Amino acid sequence: MADLDVRKLRMLRELDARGTVAAVAQALHLTPSAVSQQLVSLSKEAGVRLVEPVGRRVRLTDAARVLLRRANEIFAELERVRADLLAYAEGSVAEVRVAGFAATLSGLVLPAVRELRDTHPGVVVRLVESDPPHSFDQLVRGDVDVVLSVESKDSPAVTDRRFHRVALLAERFDVALPVLHPLAQAPVVRLADLADAAWIFPAAGTCRDMSFAACVTAGFTPEIVHEITDWETTLGAVGLGLGLALVPRLITAAPPADVVIRGLDAEQPTRHVFAAVRRGSEEAPHLCAVLKTLEATAEVTVTQRS
């Protein structure tokens, strides 16, 4: 058996996670033929057949499964080696690229950056606005170091061994009302009492799915009159009386003067926000500092907006 090429082994792991050569190629910015050639080469190095054709696709062999049992341990150990080297080079400036969607960047990452400037001035944070699953493709490739995401169909499973996760917060959704709305002064609002309202929903994504499901659970199908993804524009439309909106708390710290934010009762939708890094890299001093600061920021955010 020849020495195994770690880069080719990474492709095999990605094939296991993504299911098709085309998906692996897209995620790694390669052509399908290049991925196929690398997998064939890895089979030669391993001395066993790792993939076999099934119709127009391929599947992993039992031998590949044996190899993959150790693959995640191998990659985690490589990340630990990098972490040890960074610890040895203590005092050097470290750059951390953090990817997340707009609400997490403004509501969590920016406050964390302000804190890191005082506690870890050598850590420079670069922000990348990106949504899953693309953000996790970037994490796998090494284009970013930390991803902030929510539990959804577009995020990897909790059992995905490629990533180390840190739970940050359970973010509740409130209802945004114009200041002259009859329920604008109510301490809490029942979603069912808004069944006849016009609604503003995101055009697509997790927030739209959660908002729709919450309305259905409350006993009505919402009348969606506007589809707006940008939260600032959404709140502006609410202030003009164009409709109501369910909004996550990370974006409502300072709503416009003509908008009030009211909590919901038991029907309140909630999404779970977490940070993820490549498994093993969480031991790197600079990433450990960023993750701990994000945890602390999230705890303060929950306290302030409860």
C-alpha atoms as a PDB file:
ATOM      1  CA  MET A   1       0.000   0.000   0.000  1.00  0.00           C
ATOM      2  CA  ALA A   2       1.354   3.415  -0.969  1.00  0.00           C
ATOM      3  CA  ASP A   3       1.145   6.438   1.349  1.00  0.00           C
ATOM      4  CA  LEU A   4      -2.387   7.845   1.306  1.00  0.00           C
ATOM      5  CA  ASP A   5      -2.807  11.380  -0.042  1.00  0.00           C
ATOM      6  CA  VAL A   6      -4.759  13.386   2.529  1.00  0.00           C
ATOM      7  CA  ARG A   7      -6.279  15.635  -0.136  1.00  0.00           C
ATOM      8  CA  LYS A   8      -7.692  12.628  -1.954  1.00  0.00           C
ATOM      9  CA  LEU A   9      -8.953  11.190   1.328  1.00  0.00           C
ATOM     10  CA  ARG A  10     -10.794  14.488   1.893  1.00  0.00           C
ATOM     11  CA  MET A  11     -12.555  13.982  -1.448  1.00  0.00           C
ATOM     12  CA  LEU A  12     -13.672  10.516  -0.381  1.00  0.00           C
ATOM     13  CA  ARG A  13     -15.088  11.954   2.826  1.00  0.00           C
ATOM     14  CA  GLU A  14     -16.896  14.657   0.875  1.00  0.00           C
ATOM     15  CA  LEU A  15     -18.369  12.030  -1.457  1.00  0.00           C
ATOM     16  CA  ASP A  16     -19.716  10.220   1.586  1.00  0.00           C
ATOM     17  CA  ALA A  17     -21.247  13.456   2.895  1.00  0.00           C
ATOM     18  CA  ARG A  18     -22.635  14.802  -0.400  1.00  0.00           C
ATOM     19  CA  GLY A  19     -23.585  11.657  -2.286  1.00  0.00           C
ATOM     20  CA  THR A  20     -22.475  12.514  -5.816  1.00  0.00           C
ATOM     21  CA  VAL A  21     -19.246  13.320  -7.642  1.00  0.00           C
ATOM     22  CA  ALA A  22     -20.907  16.399  -9.128  1.00  0.00           C
ATOM     23  CA  ALA A  23     -21.748  17.764  -5.679  1.00  0.00           C
ATOM     24  CA  VAL A  24     -18.186  17.179  -4.478  1.00  0.00           C
ATOM     25  CA  ALA A  25     -16.803  18.902  -7.550  1.00  0.00           C
ATOM     26  CA  GLN A  26     -19.043  21.922  -7.036  1.00  0.00           C
ATOM     27  CA  ALA A  27     -18.136  22.234  -3.359  1.00  0.00           C
ATOM     28  CA  LEU A  28     -14.376  21.953  -3.982  1.00  0.00           C
ATOM     29  CA  HIS A  29     -14.358  24.076  -7.162  1.00  0.00           C
ATOM     30  CA  LEU A  30     -13.151  21.191  -9.335  1.00  0.00           C
ATOM     31  CA  THR A  31     -14.475  19.387 -12.389  1.00  0.00           C
ATOM     32  CA  PRO A  32     -16.288  16.057 -11.907  1.00  0.00           C
ATOM     33  CA  SER A  33     -13.640  14.321 -14.008  1.00  0.00           C
ATOM     34  CA  ALA A  34     -10.885  15.676 -11.757  1.00  0.00           C
ATOM     35  CA  VAL A  35     -12.680  14.351  -8.680  1.00  0.00           C
ATOM     36  CA  SER A  36     -13.185  10.956 -10.324  1.00  0.00           C
ATOM     37  CA  GLN A  37      -9.500  10.763 -11.261  1.00  0.00           C
ATOM     38  CA  GLN A  38      -8.446  11.579  -7.714  1.00  0.00           C
ATOM     39  CA  LEU A  39     -10.737   8.886  -6.302  1.00  0.00           C
ATOM     40  CA  VAL A  40      -9.338   6.323  -8.733  1.00  0.00           C
ATOM     41  CA  SER A  41      -5.823   7.345  -7.702  1.00  0.00           C
ATOM     42  CA  LEU A  42      -6.745   6.982  -4.015  1.00  0.00           C
ATOM     43  CA  SER A  43      -8.046   3.456  -4.711  1.00  0.00           C
ATOM     44  CA  LYS A  44      -4.661   2.570  -6.215  1.00  0.00           C
ATOM     45  CA  GLU A  45      -2.844   4.016  -3.195  1.00  0.00           C
ATOM     46  CA  ALA A  46      -5.088   2.084  -0.796  1.00  0.00           C
ATOM     47  CA  GLY A  47      -4.822  -1.113  -2.819  1.00  0.00           C
ATOM     48  CA  VAL A  48      -8.578  -1.667  -2.698  1.00  0.00           C
ATOM     49  CA  ARG A  49     -11.592  -0.523  -4.681  1.00  0.00           C
ATOM     50  CA  LEU A  50     -13.204   2.463  -2.941  1.00  0.00           C
ATOM     51  CA  VAL A  51     -16.061   3.376  -5.290  1.00  0.00           C
ATOM     52  CA  GLU A  52     -18.217   1.358  -7.664  1.00  0.00           C
ATOM     53  CA  PRO A  53     -20.707   2.430 -10.351  1.00  0.00           C
ATOM     54  CA  VAL A  54     -24.459   2.245  -9.733  1.00  0.00           C
ATOM     55  CA  GLY A  55     -26.239   3.325 -12.877  1.00  0.00           C
ATOM     56  CA  ARG A  56     -24.943   6.815 -13.733  1.00  0.00           C
ATOM     57  CA  ARG A  57     -23.691   7.402 -10.196  1.00  0.00           C
ATOM     58  CA  VAL A  58     -21.153   5.817  -7.854  1.00  0.00           C
ATOM     59  CA  ARG A  59     -21.334   4.525  -4.325  1.00  0.00           C
ATOM     60  CA  LEU A  60     -18.774   3.768  -1.656  1.00  0.00           C
ATOM     61  CA  THR A  61     -17.587   0.207  -1.208  1.00  0.00           C
ATOM     62  CA  ASP A  62     -17.296  -1.568   2.130  1.00  0.00           C
ATOM     63  CA  ALA A  63     -13.552  -0.957   1.936  1.00  0.00           C
ATOM     64  CA  ALA A  64     -14.204   2.772   1.656  1.00  0.00           C
ATOM     65  CA  ARG A  65     -16.365   2.590   4.765  1.00  0.00           C
ATOM     66  CA  VAL A  66     -13.499   0.975   6.653  1.00  0.00           C
ATOM     67  CA  LEU A  67     -11.170   3.745   5.524  1.00  0.00           C
ATOM     68  CA  LEU A  68     -13.650   6.482   6.438  1.00  0.00           C
ATOM     69  CA  ARG A  69     -14.027   5.190   9.989  1.00  0.00           C
ATOM     70  CA  ARG A  70     -10.589   6.650  10.639  1.00  0.00           C
ATOM     71  CA  ALA A  71     -10.751   9.585   8.235  1.00  0.00           C
ATOM     72  CA  ASN A  72     -12.486  11.995  10.601  1.00  0.00           C
ATOM     73  CA  GLU A  73      -9.937  11.163  13.297  1.00  0.00           C
ATOM     74  CA  ILE A  74      -7.138  11.853  10.812  1.00  0.00           C
ATOM     75  CA  PHE A  75      -8.518  15.254   9.839  1.00  0.00           C
ATOM     76  CA  ALA A  76      -9.238  16.218  13.438  1.00  0.00           C
ATOM     77  CA  GLU A  77      -5.660  15.304  14.356  1.00  0.00           C
ATOM     78  CA  LEU A  78      -4.324  17.460  11.521  1.00  0.00           C
ATOM     79  CA  GLU A  79      -6.326  20.394  12.867  1.00  0.00           C
ATOM     80  CA  ARG A  80      -4.851  19.741  16.320  1.00  0.00           C
ATOM     81  CA  VAL A  81      -1.362  19.831  14.805  1.00  0.00           C
ATOM     82  CA  ARG A  82      -2.168  23.229  13.302  1.00  0.00           C
ATOM     83  CA  ALA A  83      -3.502  24.337  16.688  1.00  0.00           C
ATOM     84  CA  ASP A  84      -0.262  23.231  18.394  1.00  0.00           C
ATOM     85  CA  LEU A  85       1.822  25.167  15.871  1.00  0.00           C
ATOM     86  CA  LEU A  86      -0.262  28.281  16.429  1.00  0.00           C
ATOM     87  CA  ALA A  87       0.112  27.889  20.182  1.00  0.00           C
ATOM     88  CA  TYR A  88       3.895  27.603  19.718  1.00  0.00           C
ATOM     89  CA  ALA A  89       3.861  30.831  17.729  1.00  0.00           C
ATOM     90  CA  GLU A  90       2.062  32.627  20.579  1.00  0.00           C
ATOM     91  CA  GLY A  91       2.056  36.370  20.188  1.00  0.00           C
ATOM     92  CA  SER A  92       1.771  36.456  16.413  1.00  0.00           C
ATOM     93  CA  VAL A  93      -1.218  38.122  14.782  1.00  0.00           C
ATOM     94  CA  ALA A  94      -3.936  35.633  13.901  1.00  0.00           C
ATOM     95  CA  GLU A  95      -6.664  36.193  11.321  1.00  0.00           C
ATOM     96  CA  VAL A  96     -10.056  34.567  11.792  1.00  0.00           C
ATOM     97  CA  ARG A  97     -12.566  34.557   8.942  1.00  0.00           C
ATOM     98  CA  VAL A  98     -16.112  34.374  10.262  1.00  0.00           C
ATOM     99  CA  ALA A  99     -19.046  33.604   7.965  1.00  0.00           C
ATOM    100  CA  GLY A 100     -22.655  34.135   8.920  1.00  0.00           C
ATOM    101  CA  PHE A 101     -25.966  35.529   7.772  1.00  0.00           C
ATOM    102  CA  ALA A 102     -26.716  39.233   8.256  1.00  0.00           C
ATOM    103  CA  ALA A 103     -28.516  38.980  11.608  1.00  0.00           C
ATOM    104  CA  THR A 104     -25.704  36.998  13.256  1.00  0.00           C
ATOM    105  CA  LEU A 105     -23.004  39.316  11.904  1.00  0.00           C
ATOM    106  CA  SER A 106     -24.708  42.440  13.246  1.00  0.00           C
ATOM    107  CA  GLY A 107     -26.214  40.972  16.407  1.00  0.00           C
ATOM    108  CA  LEU A 108     -23.403  38.655  17.569  1.00  0.00           C
ATOM    109  CA  VAL A 109     -20.162  38.982  15.600  1.00  0.00           C
ATOM    110  CA  LEU A 110     -19.798  42.776  15.689  1.00  0.00           C
ATOM    111  CA  PRO A 111     -20.245  42.965  19.495  1.00  0.00           C
ATOM    112  CA  ALA A 112     -17.781  40.087  19.822  1.00  0.00           C
ATOM    113  CA  VAL A 113     -15.252  41.937  17.641  1.00  0.00           C
ATOM    114  CA  ARG A 114     -15.498  44.970  19.935  1.00  0.00           C
ATOM    115  CA  GLU A 115     -14.764  42.739  22.925  1.00  0.00           C
ATOM    116  CA  LEU A 116     -11.879  40.944  21.184  1.00  0.00           C
ATOM    117  CA  ARG A 117     -10.159  44.254  20.435  1.00  0.00           C
ATOM    118  CA  ASP A 118      -9.695  44.694  24.187  1.00  0.00           C
ATOM    119  CA  THR A 119      -9.080  41.101  25.261  1.00  0.00           C
ATOM    120  CA  HIS A 120      -7.191  39.712  22.234  1.00  0.00           C
ATOM    121  CA  PRO A 121      -5.808  42.620  20.185  1.00  0.00           C
ATOM    122  CA  GLY A 122      -3.704  40.226  18.099  1.00  0.00           C
ATOM    123  CA  VAL A 123      -6.810  38.501  16.704  1.00  0.00           C
ATOM    124  CA  VAL A 124      -8.091  40.133  13.519  1.00  0.00           C
ATOM    125  CA  VAL A 125     -11.606  39.104  12.471  1.00  0.00           C
ATOM    126  CA  ARG A 126     -12.666  39.169   8.820  1.00  0.00           C
ATOM    127  CA  LEU A 127     -16.402  39.047   8.129  1.00  0.00           C
ATOM    128  CA  VAL A 128     -18.030  37.111   5.303  1.00  0.00           C
ATOM    129  CA  GLU A 129     -21.803  37.268   4.799  1.00  0.00           C
ATOM    130  CA  SER A 130     -22.801  33.780   3.721  1.00  0.00           C
ATOM    131  CA  ASP A 131     -25.721  31.390   4.248  1.00  0.00           C
ATOM    132  CA  PRO A 132     -25.732  27.595   4.540  1.00  0.00           C
ATOM    133  CA  PRO A 133     -25.101  25.307   2.816  1.00  0.00           C
ATOM    134  CA  HIS A 134     -22.570  27.523   0.985  1.00  0.00           C
ATOM    135  CA  SER A 135     -21.003  28.748   4.245  1.00  0.00           C
ATOM    136  CA  PHE A 136     -20.252  25.153   5.272  1.00  0.00           C
ATOM    137  CA  ASP A 137     -18.716  24.440   1.868  1.00  0.00           C
ATOM    138  CA  GLN A 138     -16.440  27.428   2.554  1.00  0.00           C
ATOM    139  CA  LEU A 139     -15.577  26.002   5.973  1.00  0.00           C
ATOM    140  CA  VAL A 140     -14.692  22.594   4.506  1.00  0.00           C
ATOM    141  CA  ARG A 141     -12.448  24.208   1.884  1.00  0.00           C
ATOM    142  CA  GLY A 142     -10.718  26.380   4.484  1.00  0.00           C
ATOM    143  CA  ASP A 143     -11.992  29.624   2.966  1.00  0.00           C
ATOM    144  CA  VAL A 144     -13.428  30.566   6.379  1.00  0.00           C
ATOM    145  CA  ASP A 145     -12.599  29.472   9.918  1.00  0.00           C
ATOM    146  CA  VAL A 146     -15.910  29.896  11.771  1.00  0.00           C
ATOM    147  CA  VAL A 147     -19.504  29.638  10.556  1.00  0.00           C
ATOM    148  CA  LEU A 148     -22.536  30.988  12.387  1.00  0.00           C
ATOM    149  CA  SER A 149     -25.748  29.253  11.412  1.00  0.00           C
ATOM    150  CA  VAL A 150     -29.121  28.031  12.624  1.00  0.00           C
ATOM    151  CA  GLU A 151     -30.434  24.503  12.813  1.00  0.00           C
ATOM    152  CA  SER A 152     -32.216  23.974   9.496  1.00  0.00           C
ATOM    153  CA  LYS A 153     -32.454  21.647   6.520  1.00  0.00           C
ATOM    154  CA  ASP A 154     -29.547  23.538   4.902  1.00  0.00           C
ATOM    155  CA  SER A 155     -27.177  23.015   7.842  1.00  0.00           C
ATOM    156  CA  PRO A 156     -25.206  19.802   8.408  1.00  0.00           C
ATOM    157  CA  ALA A 157     -26.600  17.257  10.827  1.00  0.00           C
ATOM    158  CA  VAL A 158     -25.545  17.477  14.459  1.00  0.00           C
ATOM    159  CA  THR A 159     -23.842  14.099  13.989  1.00  0.00           C
ATOM    160  CA  ASP A 160     -21.631  15.367  11.125  1.00  0.00           C
ATOM    161  CA  ARG A 161     -18.123  14.565  12.375  1.00  0.00           C
ATOM    162  CA  ARG A 162     -16.439  17.097  10.138  1.00  0.00           C
ATOM    163  CA  PHE A 163     -17.456  19.944  12.440  1.00  0.00           C
ATOM    164  CA  HIS A 164     -17.196  20.986  16.062  1.00  0.00           C
ATOM    165  CA  ARG A 165     -20.280  22.922  17.211  1.00  0.00           C
ATOM    166  CA  VAL A 166     -20.866  25.467  19.953  1.00  0.00           C
ATOM    167  CA  ALA A 167     -24.476  26.289  20.846  1.00  0.00           C
ATOM    168  CA  LEU A 168     -24.924  30.056  21.159  1.00  0.00           C
ATOM    169  CA  LEU A 169     -28.562  30.946  21.752  1.00  0.00           C
ATOM    170  CA  ALA A 170     -32.195  30.092  21.208  1.00  0.00           C
ATOM    171  CA  GLU A 171     -33.415  33.164  19.335  1.00  0.00           C
ATOM    172  CA  ARG A 172     -37.079  33.979  19.647  1.00  0.00           C
ATOM    173  CA  PHE A 173     -39.207  35.759  17.072  1.00  0.00           C
ATOM    174  CA  ASP A 174     -41.428  38.700  18.014  1.00  0.00           C
ATOM    175  CA  VAL A 175     -44.083  40.525  16.024  1.00  0.00           C
ATOM    176  CA  ALA A 176     -43.384  43.955  14.514  1.00  0.00           C
ATOM    177  CA  LEU A 177     -46.393  46.302  14.532  1.00  0.00           C
ATOM    178  CA  PRO A 178     -46.918  49.908  13.417  1.00  0.00           C
ATOM    179  CA  VAL A 179     -47.163  52.254  16.425  1.00  0.00           C
ATOM    180  CA  LEU A 180     -50.860  52.941  15.767  1.00  0.00           C
ATOM    181  CA  HIS A 181     -51.859  49.276  15.683  1.00  0.00           C
ATOM    182  CA  PRO A 182     -54.568  48.404  18.264  1.00  0.00           C
ATOM    183  CA  LEU A 183     -52.222  45.872  19.931  1.00  0.00           C
ATOM    184  CA  ALA A 184     -49.159  48.131  19.887  1.00  0.00           C
ATOM    185  CA  GLN A 185     -49.303  48.665  23.662  1.00  0.00           C
ATOM    186  CA  ALA A 186     -50.118  45.088  24.598  1.00  0.00           C
ATOM    187  CA  PRO A 187     -47.381  43.467  26.765  1.00  0.00           C
ATOM    188  CA  VAL A 188     -47.691  40.234  24.769  1.00  0.00           C
ATOM    189  CA  VAL A 189     -49.634  39.367  21.634  1.00  0.00           C
ATOM    190  CA  ARG A 190     -51.461  36.189  20.623  1.00  0.00           C
ATOM    191  CA  LEU A 191     -50.608  35.291  17.055  1.00  0.00           C
ATOM    192  CA  ALA A 192     -54.153  34.032  16.557  1.00  0.00           C
ATOM    193  CA  ASP A 193     -55.426  37.583  17.164  1.00  0.00           C
ATOM    194  CA  LEU A 194     -53.560  38.679  14.024  1.00  0.00           C
ATOM    195  CA  ALA A 195     -55.115  36.077  11.724  1.00  0.00           C
ATOM    196  CA  ASP A 196     -56.799  38.728   9.548  1.00  0.00           C
ATOM    197  CA  ALA A 197     -53.684  40.880   9.149  1.00  0.00           C
ATOM    198  CA  ALA A 198     -51.634  41.439   6.016  1.00  0.00           C
ATOM    199  CA  TRP A 199     -48.154  39.934   6.421  1.00  0.00           C
ATOM    200  CA  ILE A 200     -44.634  40.669   5.230  1.00  0.00           C
ATOM    201  CA  PHE A 201     -42.533  37.505   4.883  1.00  0.00           C
ATOM    202  CA  PRO A 202     -38.979  36.897   3.635  1.00  0.00           C
ATOM    203  CA  ALA A 203     -38.905  35.740   0.008  1.00  0.00           C
ATOM    204  CA  ALA A 204     -37.379  32.380   0.988  1.00  0.00           C
ATOM    205  CA  GLY A 205     -35.369  30.597   3.638  1.00  0.00           C
ATOM    206  CA  THR A 206     -35.619  29.458   7.238  1.00  0.00           C
ATOM    207  CA  CYS A 207     -37.268  32.630   8.561  1.00  0.00           C
ATOM    208  CA  ARG A 208     -40.065  32.364   6.004  1.00  0.00           C
ATOM    209  CA  ASP A 209     -40.596  28.682   6.811  1.00  0.00           C
ATOM    210  CA  MET A 210     -40.674  29.370  10.553  1.00  0.00           C
ATOM    211  CA  SER A 211     -43.053  32.330  10.212  1.00  0.00           C
ATOM    212  CA  PHE A 212     -45.463  30.368   8.037  1.00  0.00           C
ATOM    213  CA  ALA A 213     -45.384  27.345  10.348  1.00  0.00           C
ATOM    214  CA  ALA A 214     -46.049  29.553  13.394  1.00  0.00           C
ATOM    215  CA  CYS A 215     -49.129  31.074  11.748  1.00  0.00           C
ATOM    216  CA  VAL A 216     -50.465  27.658  10.760  1.00  0.00           C
ATOM    217  CA  THR A 217     -49.894  26.382  14.300  1.00  0.00           C
ATOM    218  CA  ALA A 218     -51.876  29.393  15.559  1.00  0.00           C
ATOM    219  CA  GLY A 219     -54.779  28.296  13.390  1.00  0.00           C
ATOM    220  CA  PHE A 220     -54.621  30.387  10.224  1.00  0.00           C
ATOM    221  CA  THR A 221     -52.932  30.671   6.835  1.00  0.00           C
ATOM    222  CA  PRO A 222     -51.242  34.078   6.608  1.00  0.00           C
ATOM    223  CA  GLU A 223     -52.060  36.489   3.802  1.00  0.00           C
ATOM    224  CA  ILE A 224     -48.592  37.359   2.484  1.00  0.00           C
ATOM    225  CA  VAL A 225     -48.811  40.711   0.698  1.00  0.00           C
ATOM    226  CA  HIS A 226     -45.099  41.548   0.504  1.00  0.00           C
ATOM    227  CA  GLU A 227     -41.991  39.353   0.208  1.00  0.00           C
ATOM    228  CA  ILE A 228     -38.906  41.168   1.507  1.00  0.00           C
ATOM    229  CA  THR A 229     -35.660  39.531   2.606  1.00  0.00           C
ATOM    230  CA  ASP A 230     -33.886  42.627   3.992  1.00  0.00           C
ATOM    231  CA  TRP A 231     -34.935  43.227   7.616  1.00  0.00           C
ATOM    232  CA  GLU A 232     -34.361  46.984   7.558  1.00  0.00           C
ATOM    233  CA  THR A 233     -36.705  47.277   4.577  1.00  0.00           C
ATOM    234  CA  THR A 234     -39.198  44.960   6.282  1.00  0.00           C
ATOM    235  CA  LEU A 235     -39.349  47.166   9.388  1.00  0.00           C
ATOM    236  CA  GLY A 236     -39.675  50.239   7.188  1.00  0.00           C
ATOM    237  CA  ALA A 237     -42.665  48.655   5.452  1.00  0.00           C
ATOM    238  CA  VAL A 238     -44.236  47.767   8.822  1.00  0.00           C
ATOM    239  CA  GLY A 239     -43.846  51.379   9.938  1.00  0.00           C
ATOM    240  CA  LEU A 240     -45.744  52.516   6.834  1.00  0.00           C
ATOM    241  CA  GLY A 241     -48.593  50.176   7.717  1.00  0.00           C
ATOM    242  CA  LEU A 242     -48.001  47.852   4.766  1.00  0.00           C
ATOM    243  CA  GLY A 243     -48.218  44.725   6.904  1.00  0.00           C
ATOM    244  CA  LEU A 244     -47.005  42.938  10.015  1.00  0.00           C
ATOM    245  CA  ALA A 245     -43.878  40.810  10.300  1.00  0.00           C
ATOM    246  CA  LEU A 246     -42.381  38.162  12.549  1.00  0.00           C
ATOM    247  CA  VAL A 247     -38.805  39.253  13.258  1.00  0.00           C
ATOM    248  CA  PRO A 248     -35.834  37.605  15.024  1.00  0.00           C
ATOM    249  CA  ARG A 249     -34.555  39.356  18.132  1.00  0.00           C
ATOM    250  CA  LEU A 250     -31.016  39.757  16.816  1.00  0.00           C
ATOM    251  CA  ILE A 251     -32.227  42.454  14.402  1.00  0.00           C
ATOM    252  CA  THR A 252     -34.622  44.383  16.649  1.00  0.00           C
ATOM    253  CA  ALA A 253     -32.339  46.088  19.193  1.00  0.00           C
ATOM    254  CA  ALA A 254     -33.238  49.544  17.812  1.00  0.00           C
ATOM    255  CA  PRO A 255     -36.421  49.416  15.690  1.00  0.00           C
ATOM    256  CA  PRO A 256     -37.590  52.530  13.785  1.00  0.00           C
ATOM    257  CA  ALA A 257     -39.613  55.095  15.742  1.00  0.00           C
ATOM    258  CA  ASP A 258     -42.815  54.152  13.905  1.00  0.00           C
ATOM    259  CA  VAL A 259     -42.492  50.426  14.747  1.00  0.00           C
ATOM    260  CA  VAL A 260     -43.067  48.598  18.028  1.00  0.00           C
ATOM    261  CA  ILE A 261     -41.848  45.085  18.800  1.00  0.00           C
ATOM    262  CA  ARG A 262     -44.092  42.918  20.926  1.00  0.00           C
ATOM    263  CA  GLY A 263     -43.445  39.457  22.323  1.00  0.00           C
ATOM    264  CA  LEU A 264     -45.666  36.543  21.453  1.00  0.00           C
ATOM    265  CA  ASP A 265     -47.228  34.044  23.803  1.00  0.00           C
ATOM    266  CA  ALA A 266     -46.754  30.268  23.585  1.00  0.00           C
ATOM    267  CA  GLU A 267     -46.877  30.361  19.766  1.00  0.00           C
ATOM    268  CA  GLN A 268     -43.531  32.153  19.671  1.00  0.00           C
ATOM    269  CA  PRO A 269     -41.247  30.603  17.018  1.00  0.00           C
ATOM    270  CA  THR A 270     -37.612  30.001  18.009  1.00  0.00           C
ATOM    271  CA  ARG A 271     -34.475  29.211  16.022  1.00  0.00           C
ATOM    272  CA  HIS A 272     -31.271  27.790  17.477  1.00  0.00           C
ATOM    273  CA  VAL A 273     -28.067  29.622  16.564  1.00  0.00           C
ATOM    274  CA  PHE A 274     -24.704  27.866  16.735  1.00  0.00           C
ATOM    275  CA  ALA A 275     -21.095  28.362  15.709  1.00  0.00           C
ATOM    276  CA  ALA A 276     -19.132  25.687  13.867  1.00  0.00           C
ATOM    277  CA  VAL A 277     -15.447  25.133  13.117  1.00  0.00           C
ATOM    278  CA  ARG A 278     -13.560  22.268  11.503  1.00  0.00           C
ATOM    279  CA  ARG A 279     -13.273  19.498  14.095  1.00  0.00           C
ATOM    280  CA  GLY A 280      -9.949  19.733  15.904  1.00  0.00           C
ATOM    281  CA  SER A 281      -9.377  23.409  15.100  1.00  0.00           C
ATOM    282  CA  GLU A 282     -11.341  24.493  18.191  1.00  0.00           C
ATOM    283  CA  GLU A 283      -8.125  23.938  20.162  1.00  0.00           C
ATOM    284  CA  ALA A 284      -6.297  26.710  18.292  1.00  0.00           C
ATOM    285  CA  PRO A 285      -5.837  29.644  20.708  1.00  0.00           C
ATOM    286  CA  HIS A 286      -7.240  32.278  18.348  1.00  0.00           C
ATOM    287  CA  LEU A 287     -10.315  30.210  17.452  1.00  0.00           C
ATOM    288  CA  CYS A 288     -10.868  29.271  21.084  1.00  0.00           C
ATOM    289  CA  ALA A 289     -10.844  33.001  21.949  1.00  0.00           C
ATOM    290  CA  VAL A 290     -13.360  33.810  19.219  1.00  0.00           C
ATOM    291  CA  LEU A 291     -15.710  30.978  20.204  1.00  0.00           C
ATOM    292  CA  LYS A 292     -15.632  31.888  23.901  1.00  0.00           C
ATOM    293  CA  THR A 293     -16.263  35.543  23.096  1.00  0.00           C
ATOM    294  CA  LEU A 294     -19.191  34.605  20.858  1.00  0.00           C
ATOM    295  CA  GLU A 295     -20.629  32.498  23.699  1.00  0.00           C
ATOM    296  CA  ALA A 296     -20.310  35.395  26.132  1.00  0.00           C
ATOM    297  CA  THR A 297     -21.832  37.829  23.639  1.00  0.00           C
ATOM    298  CA  ALA A 298     -24.758  35.486  23.036  1.00  0.00           C
ATOM    299  CA  GLU A 299     -25.385  35.164  26.780  1.00  0.00           C
ATOM    300  CA  VAL A 300     -25.493  38.958  27.155  1.00  0.00           C
ATOM    301  CA  THR A 301     -27.773  39.241  24.128  1.00  0.00           C
ATOM    302  CA  VAL A 302     -30.256  36.749  25.562  1.00  0.00           C
ATOM    303  CA  THR A 303     -30.277  38.584  28.915  1.00  0.00           C
ATOM    304  CA  GLN A 304     -30.773  42.014  27.347  1.00  0.00           C
ATOM    305  CA  ARG A 305     -33.555  40.988  24.975  1.00  0.00           C
ATOM    306  CA  SER A 306     -35.525  38.578  27.144  1.00  0.00           C
END
